[in-house]
Amino acid sequence: MNKIQEIRPEDIKKIMASDQIADALRKYKYVIGALYHQEVSADYTFQKAYSDLYNLGDNYSEEFKTKFFFTLEELKKKSDISFRDAFEILQSFEDRNEMTAASILVHTINPRFAIWDDHAAKDFFGMELTKEDDSVERCCRRYEDFSDNFYAYVNAPMGAVLVKAFDERFPNADIPNVIKVAFMLWQFESLKK
């Protein structure tokens, strides 16, 4: 694993005191709980919560989001979805490398997948970001490298500290450690702004 950025104890306290992390947890639990009980391609409440949680706002056209939720509805029926599958489908919509959207889609279906985040990749793991003209192969390798780094981080001492802080604030959260740490890293990024 590359040299990673540490989060100071005082920053962990600020993150855990934030109402944003509680709001993200509420939306996440709703999204995961509703996924298999609703027609997500037609459910505006689900789409709004999902878009708010994962910031699928202004960066994506309405057409892309419509296709995204239709794809989510279709792919949730499969148990063997891969990052590559999602990436190639989403790339066909607008001929863009959609690392984040593809990882969000596969994570929603199978929460063992890490969610790609440019800030975490660059700032925490020292990774080179993908470019628009990168091949599918390179993007998929970059995602695999990110996942390896992310899981190593989750299982490292710093990850254990973050998981413990999350569990102390939300003892009944019952979500994977990978998303607990992701929530914390996203909140840390917003602290720096």
Protein backbone atom coordinates (compact mmCIF):
# COMPACT_ATOMS: atom_id res chain seq x y z
CA MET A 1 0.00 0.00 0.00
CA ASN A 2 1.21 3.50 -0.80
CA LYS A 3 1.95 5.99 1.96
CA ILE A 4 -1.43 7.05 3.25
CA GLN A 5 -2.71 10.20 4.85
CA GLU A 6 -3.65 9.88 8.51
CA ILE A 7 -6.66 11.49 10.13
CA ARG A 8 -5.90 13.23 13.40
CA PRO A 9 -7.95 12.37 16.53
CA GLU A 10 -9.39 15.89 16.69
CA ASP A 11 -10.60 15.52 13.08
CA ILE A 12 -12.22 12.18 13.91
CA LYS A 13 -14.12 13.91 16.72
CA LYS A 14 -15.29 16.65 14.33
CA ILE A 15 -16.39 14.07 11.77
CA MET A 16 -18.33 12.05 14.31
CA ALA A 17 -20.03 15.18 15.69
CA SER A 18 -21.27 16.08 12.21
CA ASP A 19 -24.95 15.69 11.41
CA GLN A 20 -23.91 14.94 7.83
CA ILE A 21 -22.61 11.50 8.72
CA ALA A 22 -25.88 10.64 10.48
CA ASP A 23 -27.81 11.85 7.43
CA ALA A 24 -25.60 9.78 5.11
CA LEU A 25 -26.13 6.69 7.27
CA ARG A 26 -29.91 7.20 7.23
CA LYS A 27 -29.94 7.52 3.42
CA TYR A 28 -27.60 4.55 2.98
CA LYS A 29 -29.76 2.28 5.10
CA TYR A 30 -32.85 3.42 3.21
CA VAL A 31 -31.21 2.80 -0.19
CA ILE A 32 -29.89 -0.65 0.72
CA GLY A 33 -33.16 -1.61 2.42
CA ALA A 34 -35.36 -0.40 -0.45
CA LEU A 35 -33.28 -1.73 -3.34
CA TYR A 36 -34.93 -5.14 -3.61
CA HIS A 37 -38.40 -4.02 -2.54
CA GLN A 38 -39.05 -1.27 -5.06
CA GLU A 39 -38.88 -0.63 -8.78
CA VAL A 40 -35.95 1.77 -8.43
CA SER A 41 -36.06 2.87 -12.06
CA ALA A 42 -39.47 4.45 -11.40
CA ASP A 43 -39.29 5.42 -7.71
CA TYR A 44 -38.51 9.13 -7.35
CA THR A 45 -38.08 8.93 -3.55
CA PHE A 46 -35.45 6.23 -3.94
CA GLN A 47 -33.69 8.11 -6.74
CA LYS A 48 -33.63 11.34 -4.73
CA ALA A 49 -32.16 9.66 -1.64
CA TYR A 50 -29.64 7.79 -3.80
CA SER A 51 -28.63 10.91 -5.73
CA ASP A 52 -28.25 12.91 -2.52
CA LEU A 53 -26.23 10.17 -0.84
CA TYR A 54 -23.84 9.64 -3.72
CA ASN A 55 -23.86 13.17 -5.13
CA LEU A 56 -25.33 12.21 -8.50
CA GLY A 57 -26.43 15.77 -9.07
CA ASP A 58 -25.10 18.34 -11.48
CA ASN A 59 -22.25 16.15 -12.73
CA TYR A 60 -24.70 13.91 -14.57
CA SER A 61 -27.38 14.64 -17.14
CA GLU A 62 -30.98 13.67 -16.51
CA GLU A 63 -30.68 11.19 -19.36
CA PHE A 64 -27.65 9.57 -17.73
CA LYS A 65 -29.42 9.31 -14.37
CA THR A 66 -32.51 7.79 -15.98
CA LYS A 67 -30.35 5.16 -17.69
CA PHE A 68 -28.35 4.65 -14.49
CA PHE A 69 -31.45 3.80 -12.43
CA PHE A 70 -32.83 1.57 -15.18
CA THR A 71 -29.47 -0.25 -15.22
CA LEU A 72 -29.49 -0.55 -11.43
CA GLU A 73 -32.97 -2.08 -11.62
CA GLU A 74 -31.82 -4.61 -14.23
CA LEU A 75 -28.48 -5.49 -12.62
CA LYS A 76 -29.84 -5.97 -9.11
CA LYS A 77 -31.28 -9.25 -10.39
CA LYS A 78 -27.75 -10.59 -10.99
CA SER A 79 -25.48 -11.86 -8.26
CA ASP A 80 -22.26 -11.83 -10.24
CA ILE A 81 -22.03 -8.19 -11.29
CA SER A 82 -18.48 -6.89 -11.63
CA PHE A 83 -16.99 -3.41 -11.71
CA ARG A 84 -16.06 -3.99 -15.35
CA ASP A 85 -19.67 -4.86 -16.24
CA ALA A 86 -20.99 -1.68 -14.66
CA PHE A 87 -18.16 0.45 -16.05
CA GLU A 88 -18.69 -0.70 -19.63
CA ILE A 89 -22.46 -0.21 -19.45
CA LEU A 90 -22.17 3.29 -18.03
CA GLN A 91 -19.40 4.22 -20.45
CA SER A 92 -21.73 3.38 -23.33
CA PHE A 93 -24.23 6.02 -22.15
CA GLU A 94 -22.02 9.07 -22.64
CA ASP A 95 -18.63 7.73 -23.75
CA ARG A 96 -17.03 8.81 -20.45
CA ASN A 97 -15.02 6.90 -17.88
CA GLU A 98 -17.45 6.69 -14.97
CA MET A 99 -15.27 5.26 -12.20
CA THR A 100 -17.34 6.65 -9.35
CA ALA A 101 -20.77 5.89 -10.82
CA ALA A 102 -19.74 2.33 -11.77
CA SER A 103 -18.36 1.62 -8.31
CA ILE A 104 -21.47 3.08 -6.64
CA LEU A 105 -23.66 0.88 -8.79
CA VAL A 106 -21.78 -2.34 -7.97
CA HIS A 107 -21.48 -1.40 -4.29
CA THR A 108 -25.24 -0.92 -4.08
CA ILE A 109 -25.80 -4.43 -5.41
CA ASN A 110 -22.92 -5.98 -3.50
CA PRO A 111 -21.61 -3.88 -0.59
CA ARG A 112 -18.29 -5.72 -0.55
CA PHE A 113 -17.18 -3.45 -3.42
CA ALA A 114 -15.33 -0.28 -2.48
CA ILE A 115 -16.64 3.02 -3.82
CA TRP A 116 -14.12 4.84 -6.00
CA ASP A 117 -13.40 8.35 -4.79
CA ASP A 118 -10.91 10.64 -6.55
CA HIS A 119 -9.92 12.38 -3.30
CA ALA A 120 -9.32 9.13 -1.43
CA ALA A 121 -7.40 7.67 -4.37
CA LYS A 122 -5.15 10.69 -4.72
CA ASP A 123 -4.91 12.12 -1.19
CA PHE A 124 -5.04 8.98 0.94
CA PHE A 125 -3.43 6.41 -1.31
CA GLY A 126 -1.21 8.55 -3.55
CA MET A 127 -2.71 7.01 -6.67
CA GLU A 128 -2.69 8.46 -10.14
CA LEU A 129 -6.22 9.27 -11.24
CA THR A 130 -7.73 7.97 -14.44
CA LYS A 131 -8.05 10.15 -17.51
CA GLU A 132 -10.90 10.39 -19.98
CA ASP A 133 -8.89 8.68 -22.72
CA ASP A 134 -7.76 5.76 -20.53
CA SER A 135 -8.70 2.31 -21.76
CA VAL A 136 -11.28 0.15 -20.04
CA GLU A 137 -8.41 -2.15 -19.02
CA ARG A 138 -6.48 0.66 -17.35
CA CYS A 139 -9.57 1.97 -15.54
CA CYS A 140 -10.42 -1.51 -14.26
CA ARG A 141 -6.83 -2.07 -13.08
CA ARG A 142 -6.90 1.33 -11.36
CA TYR A 143 -10.15 0.38 -9.60
CA GLU A 144 -8.65 -2.97 -8.50
CA ASP A 145 -5.61 -1.12 -7.12
CA PHE A 146 -7.90 1.33 -5.34
CA SER A 147 -9.96 -1.51 -3.85
CA ASP A 148 -6.81 -3.25 -2.63
CA ASN A 149 -5.58 -0.02 -1.04
CA PHE A 150 -8.99 0.75 0.43
CA TYR A 151 -9.39 -2.68 2.02
CA ALA A 152 -5.83 -2.56 3.33
CA TYR A 153 -6.66 0.82 4.87
CA VAL A 154 -9.91 -0.45 6.40
CA ASN A 155 -8.00 -3.37 7.95
CA ALA A 156 -5.00 -1.28 9.07
CA PRO A 157 -4.75 0.40 12.50
CA MET A 158 -6.11 3.72 11.16
CA GLY A 159 -9.10 1.94 9.64
CA ALA A 160 -9.75 0.19 12.94
CA VAL A 161 -9.73 3.57 14.72
CA LEU A 162 -12.26 4.95 12.22
CA VAL A 163 -14.51 1.88 12.47
CA LYS A 164 -14.38 2.04 16.28
CA ALA A 165 -15.30 5.74 16.28
CA PHE A 166 -18.18 5.05 13.89
CA ASP A 167 -19.43 2.11 15.95
CA GLU A 168 -19.33 4.14 19.15
CA ARG A 169 -21.52 6.85 17.59
CA PHE A 170 -23.78 4.42 15.69
CA PRO A 171 -23.70 1.11 17.62
CA ASN A 172 -26.65 -0.36 15.70
CA ALA A 173 -25.62 0.76 12.19
CA ASP A 174 -25.14 -2.80 10.88
CA ILE A 175 -23.33 -1.75 7.68
CA PRO A 176 -20.03 -3.01 6.24
CA ASN A 177 -16.81 -1.52 7.55
CA VAL A 178 -15.90 -0.46 4.02
CA ILE A 179 -18.81 2.00 3.93
CA LYS A 180 -18.18 3.20 7.50
CA VAL A 181 -14.65 4.17 6.50
CA ALA A 182 -15.87 5.65 3.21
CA PHE A 183 -18.33 7.87 5.10
CA MET A 184 -15.52 9.02 7.38
CA LEU A 185 -13.15 9.78 4.49
CA TRP A 186 -15.86 11.73 2.65
CA GLN A 187 -16.55 13.77 5.77
CA PHE A 188 -12.83 14.36 6.28
CA GLU A 189 -12.63 15.73 2.74
CA SER A 190 -15.47 18.16 3.47
CA LEU A 191 -13.68 19.32 6.65
CA LYS A 192 -10.70 20.37 4.56
CA LYS A 193 -12.78 22.61 2.29
